[in-house]
Amino acid sequence: MDVAAPLSPTDRSTVRRGSKRARTDRADLYAVLDAGLMGHLGVQLAGAPVVLPTGYGRRGDTLYLHGSTGAATLRAATDGAPVCFTVTHLDGVVYARSAFHHSVNYRCAVVHGTARLVTEEAERLVGLEALTEQLAPGSWAASRRPDRKELAATAVLALDLAEASVKIRTGPPGDDARDVEGPDRVWAGVLPLRTVTCEPEPCPLLPPDVPVPARVRERRISSRA
């Protein structure tokens, strides 16, 4: 899919409430997904909705998810029923002059579709590499590859990004004129939020002379920038 190609909303993915916050550029979808570490997968399990946190990774226009082959939620996700996957970043708490207009600044991507169980070994490795690099960039090349026993215990799912929506809110509160111009001087504005990394904590079993690798140090530095 061409990154310049706009999203084509379907009935499920059309943003109706707060439509002015909808983004149609596919690049915005990729940006929200690529900036995340964890998403939430929604499936129907035994006739009831279940939403669980799930790791993921993107390669092109495909999102890869994984979990235990014994997980009922993953089995349900590949039985042909539609699924929903969301990634949300909370960027700030919006303080308003009225209780009604308190809000949050955020970036959110919602993907609809039917998950596909990945069975071909080469693509399974592509998916697992995407998941590893999403969570810990540089670790796929630095770590031991999954062996056959580990691969047998791991289910890899693929979800196409053809049907997705993006909503983003930025900026100050949208207070009513009566509150802005009123006599009460109530503070209004945004309290920014961000996720930061802390000092790396070595595994207790690690020899003391093993230094923190650049792939970890660089993430620590970038989070403080």
Protein backbone atom coordinates (compact mmCIF):
# COMPACT_ATOMS: atom_id res chain seq x y z
CA MET A 1 0.00 0.00 0.00
CA ASP A 2 1.34 3.44 -0.94
CA VAL A 3 1.95 5.47 2.22
CA ALA A 4 0.52 8.47 0.37
CA ALA A 5 -2.76 6.64 -0.31
CA PRO A 6 -5.51 7.96 1.97
CA LEU A 7 -7.47 5.75 4.31
CA SER A 8 -10.79 4.67 2.79
CA PRO A 9 -13.31 4.61 5.64
CA THR A 10 -15.87 1.82 5.70
CA ASP A 11 -19.09 1.81 7.67
CA ARG A 12 -17.19 0.36 10.64
CA SER A 13 -14.19 2.66 10.43
CA THR A 14 -15.93 5.95 9.66
CA VAL A 15 -15.39 8.46 12.47
CA ARG A 16 -18.75 10.00 13.32
CA ARG A 17 -18.33 11.57 16.75
CA GLY A 18 -15.63 14.23 16.74
CA SER A 19 -15.12 13.79 13.02
CA LYS A 20 -12.95 16.92 12.82
CA ARG A 21 -10.30 14.94 14.69
CA ALA A 22 -10.23 12.16 12.12
CA ARG A 23 -7.10 11.78 9.99
CA THR A 24 -7.22 10.20 6.57
CA ASP A 25 -3.52 10.04 5.73
CA ARG A 26 -2.13 6.52 5.88
CA ALA A 27 1.11 8.03 7.18
CA ASP A 28 -0.77 9.12 10.31
CA LEU A 29 -1.94 5.54 10.85
CA TYR A 30 1.60 4.22 10.53
CA ALA A 31 2.93 6.92 12.88
CA VAL A 32 0.46 6.06 15.65
CA LEU A 33 1.11 2.33 15.33
CA ASP A 34 4.89 2.64 15.09
CA ALA A 35 5.09 4.82 18.21
CA GLY A 36 3.33 2.26 20.41
CA LEU A 37 4.49 -0.69 22.49
CA MET A 38 1.18 -2.32 23.36
CA GLY A 39 -2.26 -2.49 21.78
CA HIS A 40 -5.61 -4.03 22.69
CA LEU A 41 -7.20 -6.85 20.72
CA GLY A 42 -10.98 -7.18 20.85
CA VAL A 43 -12.60 -10.53 19.99
CA GLN A 44 -15.79 -12.44 20.65
CA LEU A 45 -15.13 -15.32 23.03
CA ALA A 46 -17.97 -17.70 23.95
CA GLY A 47 -20.48 -15.10 22.85
CA ALA A 48 -19.02 -12.27 24.93
CA PRO A 49 -16.62 -9.47 24.01
CA VAL A 50 -13.07 -9.75 25.34
CA VAL A 51 -10.40 -7.04 25.05
CA LEU A 52 -6.85 -7.92 26.03
CA PRO A 53 -3.49 -6.09 25.88
CA THR A 54 -1.34 -7.51 23.11
CA GLY A 55 2.13 -6.89 21.72
CA TYR A 56 2.38 -6.15 18.01
CA GLY A 57 4.64 -5.11 15.17
CA ARG A 58 4.10 -3.66 11.69
CA ARG A 59 5.60 -4.61 8.36
CA GLY A 60 4.22 -2.55 5.52
CA ASP A 61 0.45 -2.75 5.58
CA THR A 62 0.31 -5.82 7.83
CA LEU A 63 0.11 -5.85 11.61
CA TYR A 64 1.51 -8.91 13.36
CA LEU A 65 0.27 -10.12 16.76
CA HIS A 66 1.40 -13.12 18.76
CA GLY A 67 0.67 -15.22 21.82
CA SER A 68 0.50 -18.75 23.14
CA THR A 69 -0.96 -21.37 20.83
CA GLY A 70 -3.13 -22.37 23.78
CA ALA A 71 -4.69 -18.92 24.18
CA ALA A 72 -8.44 -19.08 23.60
CA THR A 73 -8.52 -15.45 22.50
CA LEU A 74 -6.06 -16.07 19.66
CA ARG A 75 -7.94 -19.14 18.53
CA ALA A 76 -11.13 -17.07 18.52
CA ALA A 77 -9.37 -14.33 16.55
CA THR A 78 -8.58 -16.72 13.71
CA ASP A 79 -11.95 -18.46 13.43
CA GLY A 80 -13.13 -16.01 10.77
CA ALA A 81 -14.99 -13.60 13.06
CA PRO A 82 -14.16 -9.88 12.79
CA VAL A 83 -11.67 -8.47 15.28
CA CYS A 84 -10.69 -4.98 16.38
CA PHE A 85 -7.22 -3.80 17.37
CA THR A 86 -6.53 -0.41 18.96
CA VAL A 87 -3.44 1.58 19.91
CA THR A 88 -3.81 4.75 21.98
CA HIS A 89 -1.28 7.34 23.15
CA LEU A 90 -2.31 9.72 25.94
CA ASP A 91 -0.50 13.02 25.36
CA GLY A 92 -2.07 15.37 27.88
CA VAL A 93 -4.88 16.14 30.32
CA VAL A 94 -6.96 19.10 29.14
CA TYR A 95 -8.18 21.33 31.98
CA ALA A 96 -11.16 23.45 31.04
CA ARG A 97 -13.18 26.21 32.69
CA SER A 98 -16.22 23.95 32.71
CA ALA A 99 -16.45 20.33 33.77
CA PHE A 100 -18.08 19.46 30.44
CA HIS A 101 -15.07 20.52 28.37
CA HIS A 102 -12.38 18.70 30.35
CA SER A 103 -10.72 16.28 27.95
CA VAL A 104 -7.45 14.61 26.93
CA ASN A 105 -5.07 15.09 24.04
CA TYR A 106 -4.47 11.75 22.36
CA ARG A 107 -3.56 9.79 19.23
CA CYS A 108 -5.58 6.66 18.52
CA ALA A 109 -5.66 4.09 15.73
CA VAL A 110 -8.43 1.51 15.36
CA VAL A 111 -8.01 -1.41 12.95
CA HIS A 112 -10.89 -3.64 11.83
CA GLY A 113 -10.59 -6.89 9.96
CA THR A 114 -10.23 -10.65 10.09
CA ALA A 115 -7.04 -12.02 11.57
CA ARG A 116 -5.09 -14.66 9.66
CA LEU A 117 -3.06 -17.38 11.37
CA VAL A 118 0.43 -17.29 9.88
CA THR A 119 1.62 -20.82 9.12
CA GLU A 120 4.43 -20.32 6.61
CA GLU A 121 7.73 -20.39 8.52
CA ALA A 122 9.42 -17.51 6.71
CA GLU A 123 6.50 -15.16 7.35
CA ARG A 124 6.26 -16.32 10.97
CA LEU A 125 9.85 -15.19 11.45
CA VAL A 126 9.08 -11.88 9.75
CA GLY A 127 6.19 -11.38 12.16
CA LEU A 128 8.24 -12.30 15.23
CA GLU A 129 11.04 -9.98 14.10
CA ALA A 130 8.50 -7.16 13.70
CA LEU A 131 7.16 -7.81 17.21
CA THR A 132 10.65 -7.91 18.73
CA GLU A 133 11.79 -4.75 16.97
CA GLN A 134 8.60 -2.89 17.94
CA LEU A 135 9.29 -3.59 21.61
CA ALA A 136 13.09 -3.53 21.71
CA PRO A 137 14.74 -2.16 18.54
CA GLY A 138 17.96 -3.91 17.60
CA SER A 139 17.23 -6.99 19.70
CA TRP A 140 16.34 -9.38 16.87
CA ALA A 141 19.90 -9.29 15.54
CA ALA A 142 21.41 -9.41 19.04
CA SER A 143 19.33 -12.28 20.44
CA ARG A 144 19.05 -16.00 19.82
CA ARG A 145 16.36 -16.86 17.26
CA PRO A 146 13.33 -18.89 18.41
CA ASP A 147 13.97 -22.63 18.27
CA ARG A 148 11.44 -25.17 16.97
CA LYS A 149 9.96 -25.80 20.41
CA GLU A 150 9.43 -22.09 20.99
CA LEU A 151 7.96 -21.64 17.52
CA ALA A 152 5.57 -24.53 18.14
CA ALA A 153 4.32 -22.82 21.29
CA THR A 154 3.80 -19.45 19.60
CA ALA A 155 0.88 -18.38 17.43
CA VAL A 156 1.51 -15.52 15.00
CA LEU A 157 -1.47 -13.62 13.60
CA ALA A 158 -1.56 -11.20 10.68
CA LEU A 159 -4.08 -8.36 10.45
CA ASP A 160 -4.36 -6.30 7.27
CA LEU A 161 -4.41 -2.51 7.67
CA ALA A 162 -6.86 -1.93 4.84
CA GLU A 163 -9.71 -0.96 7.19
CA ALA A 164 -8.62 1.50 9.86
CA SER A 165 -9.33 4.89 11.37
CA VAL A 166 -7.21 7.47 13.17
CA LYS A 167 -8.31 10.19 15.61
CA ILE A 168 -6.02 12.82 17.09
CA ARG A 169 -6.80 15.61 19.54
CA THR A 170 -4.32 18.41 20.22
CA GLY A 171 -4.45 21.89 21.66
CA PRO A 172 -6.22 23.76 24.47
CA PRO A 173 -9.73 23.26 25.83
CA GLY A 174 -12.72 24.18 23.72
CA ASP A 175 -14.47 26.27 26.35
CA ASP A 176 -17.72 28.12 25.72
CA ALA A 177 -17.49 31.87 25.28
CA ARG A 178 -19.60 32.43 28.42
CA ASP A 179 -16.92 30.66 30.48
CA VAL A 180 -13.97 32.36 28.77
CA GLU A 181 -15.50 35.81 29.17
CA GLY A 182 -17.11 35.17 32.55
CA PRO A 183 -16.00 36.73 35.85
CA ASP A 184 -14.59 33.50 37.31
CA ARG A 185 -10.85 33.12 36.74
CA VAL A 186 -10.55 29.33 36.52
CA TRP A 187 -7.20 28.00 35.26
CA ALA A 188 -7.43 26.29 31.89
CA GLY A 189 -4.78 24.62 29.78
CA VAL A 190 -3.01 21.33 29.13
CA LEU A 191 -0.93 19.15 31.43
CA PRO A 192 1.34 17.30 28.96
CA LEU A 193 2.02 13.60 29.52
CA ARG A 194 4.81 11.46 28.10
CA THR A 195 6.35 8.04 28.61
CA VAL A 196 10.01 8.03 29.61
CA THR A 197 12.55 5.26 30.10
CA CYS A 198 14.57 4.98 33.31
CA GLU A 199 18.04 3.66 34.06
CA PRO A 200 18.52 0.11 32.69
CA GLU A 201 18.50 -2.58 35.39
CA PRO A 202 20.81 -5.49 34.53
CA CYS A 203 19.62 -9.06 35.03
CA PRO A 204 21.04 -10.41 38.34
CA LEU A 205 22.54 -13.35 36.41
CA LEU A 206 24.45 -11.07 34.03
CA PRO A 207 28.25 -10.94 34.54
CA PRO A 208 29.19 -7.53 35.97
CA ASP A 209 31.56 -6.71 33.11
CA VAL A 210 28.82 -6.85 30.43
CA PRO A 211 28.05 -3.22 29.45
CA VAL A 212 24.65 -1.83 28.57
CA PRO A 213 24.46 -2.08 24.75
CA ALA A 214 24.01 0.97 22.54
CA ARG A 215 20.54 -0.20 21.46
CA VAL A 216 19.41 0.19 25.09
CA ARG A 217 21.44 3.31 25.95
CA GLU A 218 20.15 5.15 22.89
CA ARG A 219 16.53 4.61 23.92
CA ARG A 220 17.32 5.98 27.37
CA ILE A 221 18.92 9.08 25.89
CA SER A 222 16.18 9.68 23.32
CA SER A 223 13.45 9.54 25.97
CA ARG A 224 15.13 12.40 27.86
CA ALA A 225 15.54 14.59 24.78
